[in-house]
Structures are given as structure tokens and as C-alpha cells.
Amino acid sequence: MIKHIVMWNLLGDNAEEKQRNAQRLKAAFEGLGARIPGLLRLEIGLDVSRVDYACDVVLYSEFESRQALEAYADHPEHLRVRRELEGLRITRHQVDFESP
């Protein structure tokens, strides 16, 4: 199994705008659920800590295999979501790791 974690900081001139952008990102990715072969689990979390070094949103997902994760990267639904959300992020961090 491969675990895929992505964290974003989002654009927003104030807390309300950042929150709207976070909700938009959350809704877009949650819609992927059963549309991606090999995707076992997908969860989106919005930061509640409000510490200055925290990211705004985290995506946690699990894939059957490395090949399933690679296929997800180019899957038309994933690419659609990425296009839909262009311009929302300031930064993006990613970690992929194998888990028994």
C-alpha cells in the first residue's frame, strides 16, 4: 500500500477567504472518491490549530500500489480537479510512502 499525503497553504486576504478556498478544495477532492481505480481511501482535513506554521489543508489518501498512485496523477478526474483549483494555493508539500 502507498500512502499519499499532500498539504497546502491557500490564498486569501483574510480568514474568511482562506476558509472559502479551503472548503472549495475539500469539496473538489472529496468528489473523486470512487472515480479513481486503486484509490482505497481519501480524506481531506482543514486545519483547526491556527498556529502560524501549520498548513491550511491536508489530503490523506491510500492506494493499492505505487502504480495506482502513478495512474491517479494522470487520471482525467484528478487533472480536472487540479485545473479547477488552479490559483488557490500558495505552497504545496507532498510525502508518499510505502506501508505494509
C-alpha atoms as a PDB file:
ATOM      1  CA  MET A   1       0.000   0.000   0.000  1.00  0.00           C
ATOM      2  CA  ILE A   2       1.129   3.543  -0.736  1.00  0.00           C
ATOM      3  CA  LYS A   3       0.109   6.455   1.449  1.00  0.00           C
ATOM      4  CA  HIS A   4      -0.036   9.839  -0.285  1.00  0.00           C
ATOM      5  CA  ILE A   5      -0.155  12.977   1.843  1.00  0.00           C
ATOM      6  CA  VAL A   6      -0.398  16.483   0.421  1.00  0.00           C
ATOM      7  CA  MET A   7      -0.559  19.736   2.395  1.00  0.00           C
ATOM      8  CA  TRP A   8      -1.407  23.151   1.023  1.00  0.00           C
ATOM      9  CA  ASN A   9      -1.314  26.750   2.123  1.00  0.00           C
ATOM     10  CA  LEU A  10      -4.010  28.669   0.312  1.00  0.00           C
ATOM     11  CA  LEU A  11      -4.500  32.171  -0.966  1.00  0.00           C
ATOM     12  CA  GLY A  12      -6.779  34.524   0.917  1.00  0.00           C
ATOM     13  CA  ASP A  13      -6.624  38.119   2.066  1.00  0.00           C
ATOM     14  CA  ASN A  14      -8.451  37.232   5.285  1.00  0.00           C
ATOM     15  CA  ALA A  15      -9.528  34.196   7.309  1.00  0.00           C
ATOM     16  CA  GLU A  16     -12.949  34.025   5.649  1.00  0.00           C
ATOM     17  CA  GLU A  17     -11.497  33.981   2.128  1.00  0.00           C
ATOM     18  CA  LYS A  18      -8.981  31.293   3.092  1.00  0.00           C
ATOM     19  CA  GLN A  19     -11.798  29.258   4.631  1.00  0.00           C
ATOM     20  CA  ARG A  20     -13.894  29.537   1.436  1.00  0.00           C
ATOM     21  CA  ASN A  21     -10.917  28.389  -0.636  1.00  0.00           C
ATOM     22  CA  ALA A  22     -10.285  25.503   1.771  1.00  0.00           C
ATOM     23  CA  GLN A  23     -13.932  24.400   1.521  1.00  0.00           C
ATOM     24  CA  ARG A  24     -13.748  24.606  -2.275  1.00  0.00           C
ATOM     25  CA  LEU A  25     -10.616  22.420  -2.326  1.00  0.00           C
ATOM     26  CA  LYS A  26     -12.176  19.947   0.116  1.00  0.00           C
ATOM     27  CA  ALA A  27     -15.347  19.569  -1.943  1.00  0.00           C
ATOM     28  CA  ALA A  28     -13.427  19.115  -5.195  1.00  0.00           C
ATOM     29  CA  PHE A  29     -11.213  16.322  -3.885  1.00  0.00           C
ATOM     30  CA  GLU A  30     -13.965  14.555  -1.950  1.00  0.00           C
ATOM     31  CA  GLY A  31     -15.803  14.178  -5.234  1.00  0.00           C
ATOM     32  CA  LEU A  32     -13.021  11.911  -6.542  1.00  0.00           C
ATOM     33  CA  GLY A  33     -13.817   9.048  -4.144  1.00  0.00           C
ATOM     34  CA  ALA A  34     -14.964   6.054  -6.213  1.00  0.00           C
ATOM     35  CA  ARG A  35     -13.863   7.507  -9.558  1.00  0.00           C
ATOM     36  CA  ILE A  36     -10.186   6.563  -9.242  1.00  0.00           C
ATOM     37  CA  PRO A  37      -9.188   2.899  -9.659  1.00  0.00           C
ATOM     38  CA  GLY A  38      -6.854   1.719  -6.908  1.00  0.00           C
ATOM     39  CA  LEU A  39      -7.752   4.573  -4.551  1.00  0.00           C
ATOM     40  CA  LEU A  40      -8.649   2.902  -1.261  1.00  0.00           C
ATOM     41  CA  ARG A  41      -9.187   5.915   0.981  1.00  0.00           C
ATOM     42  CA  LEU A  42      -9.250   9.681   0.623  1.00  0.00           C
ATOM     43  CA  GLU A  43      -9.681  12.166   3.445  1.00  0.00           C
ATOM     44  CA  ILE A  44      -9.389  15.957   3.453  1.00  0.00           C
ATOM     45  CA  GLY A  45      -8.752  17.867   6.671  1.00  0.00           C
ATOM     46  CA  LEU A  46      -8.932  21.593   7.310  1.00  0.00           C
ATOM     47  CA  ASP A  47      -6.524  22.980   9.909  1.00  0.00           C
ATOM     48  CA  VAL A  48      -8.120  23.954  13.204  1.00  0.00           C
ATOM     49  CA  SER A  49      -4.904  24.714  15.107  1.00  0.00           C
ATOM     50  CA  ARG A  50      -4.385  28.153  13.581  1.00  0.00           C
ATOM     51  CA  VAL A  51      -0.691  28.052  14.503  1.00  0.00           C
ATOM     52  CA  ASP A  52       1.364  30.219  12.160  1.00  0.00           C
ATOM     53  CA  TYR A  53       3.439  27.339  10.772  1.00  0.00           C
ATOM     54  CA  ALA A  54       0.503  24.996  10.015  1.00  0.00           C
ATOM     55  CA  CYS A  55      -0.749  24.271   6.513  1.00  0.00           C
ATOM     56  CA  ASP A  56      -4.352  25.149   5.729  1.00  0.00           C
ATOM     57  CA  VAL A  57      -5.465  21.813   4.242  1.00  0.00           C
ATOM     58  CA  VAL A  58      -4.202  18.229   4.224  1.00  0.00           C
ATOM     59  CA  LEU A  59      -5.125  15.376   1.895  1.00  0.00           C
ATOM     60  CA  TYR A  60      -4.555  11.862   3.186  1.00  0.00           C
ATOM     61  CA  SER A  61      -5.028   9.016   0.737  1.00  0.00           C
ATOM     62  CA  GLU A  62      -4.174   5.353   0.401  1.00  0.00           C
ATOM     63  CA  PHE A  63      -3.554   3.497  -2.863  1.00  0.00           C
ATOM     64  CA  GLU A  64      -3.318  -0.211  -3.611  1.00  0.00           C
ATOM     65  CA  SER A  65       0.106   0.200  -5.150  1.00  0.00           C
ATOM     66  CA  ARG A  66       2.674   2.619  -6.475  1.00  0.00           C
ATOM     67  CA  GLN A  67       1.245   2.008  -9.960  1.00  0.00           C
ATOM     68  CA  ALA A  68      -2.228   3.032  -8.748  1.00  0.00           C
ATOM     69  CA  LEU A  69      -0.777   6.282  -7.353  1.00  0.00           C
ATOM     70  CA  GLU A  70       1.038   6.945 -10.626  1.00  0.00           C
ATOM     71  CA  ALA A  71      -2.191   6.323 -12.573  1.00  0.00           C
ATOM     72  CA  TYR A  72      -4.038   8.730 -10.241  1.00  0.00           C
ATOM     73  CA  ALA A  73      -1.574  11.502 -11.077  1.00  0.00           C
ATOM     74  CA  ASP A  74      -2.651  11.385 -14.727  1.00  0.00           C
ATOM     75  CA  HIS A  75      -6.279  10.331 -14.277  1.00  0.00           C
ATOM     76  CA  PRO A  76      -8.678  12.689 -16.112  1.00  0.00           C
ATOM     77  CA  GLU A  77     -10.790  13.309 -12.981  1.00  0.00           C
ATOM     78  CA  HIS A  78      -7.724  14.221 -10.921  1.00  0.00           C
ATOM     79  CA  LEU A  79      -6.466  16.509 -13.687  1.00  0.00           C
ATOM     80  CA  ARG A  80      -9.910  18.149 -13.847  1.00  0.00           C
ATOM     81  CA  VAL A  81      -9.803  18.884 -10.108  1.00  0.00           C
ATOM     82  CA  ARG A  82      -6.275  20.288 -10.396  1.00  0.00           C
ATOM     83  CA  ARG A  83      -7.382  22.637 -13.199  1.00  0.00           C
ATOM     84  CA  GLU A  84     -10.470  23.656 -11.239  1.00  0.00           C
ATOM     85  CA  LEU A  85      -8.325  24.632  -8.255  1.00  0.00           C
ATOM     86  CA  GLU A  86      -5.506  26.410 -10.115  1.00  0.00           C
ATOM     87  CA  GLY A  87      -4.533  29.652  -8.455  1.00  0.00           C
ATOM     88  CA  LEU A  88      -5.790  28.724  -4.970  1.00  0.00           C
ATOM     89  CA  ARG A  89      -2.535  27.575  -3.434  1.00  0.00           C
ATOM     90  CA  ILE A  90       0.492  29.420  -2.180  1.00  0.00           C
ATOM     91  CA  THR A  91       2.532  26.319  -1.366  1.00  0.00           C
ATOM     92  CA  ARG A  92       2.200  22.550  -1.685  1.00  0.00           C
ATOM     93  CA  HIS A  93       4.042  19.820   0.217  1.00  0.00           C
ATOM     94  CA  GLN A  94       3.860  16.103  -0.534  1.00  0.00           C
ATOM     95  CA  VAL A  95       5.005  12.839   1.014  1.00  0.00           C
ATOM     96  CA  ASP A  96       4.431   9.382  -0.482  1.00  0.00           C
ATOM     97  CA  PHE A  97       5.475   6.310   1.453  1.00  0.00           C
ATOM     98  CA  GLU A  98       5.003   2.565   1.419  1.00  0.00           C
ATOM     99  CA  SER A  99       3.119   0.942   4.254  1.00  0.00           C
ATOM    100  CA  PRO A 100       2.678  -2.783   4.887  1.00  0.00           C
END
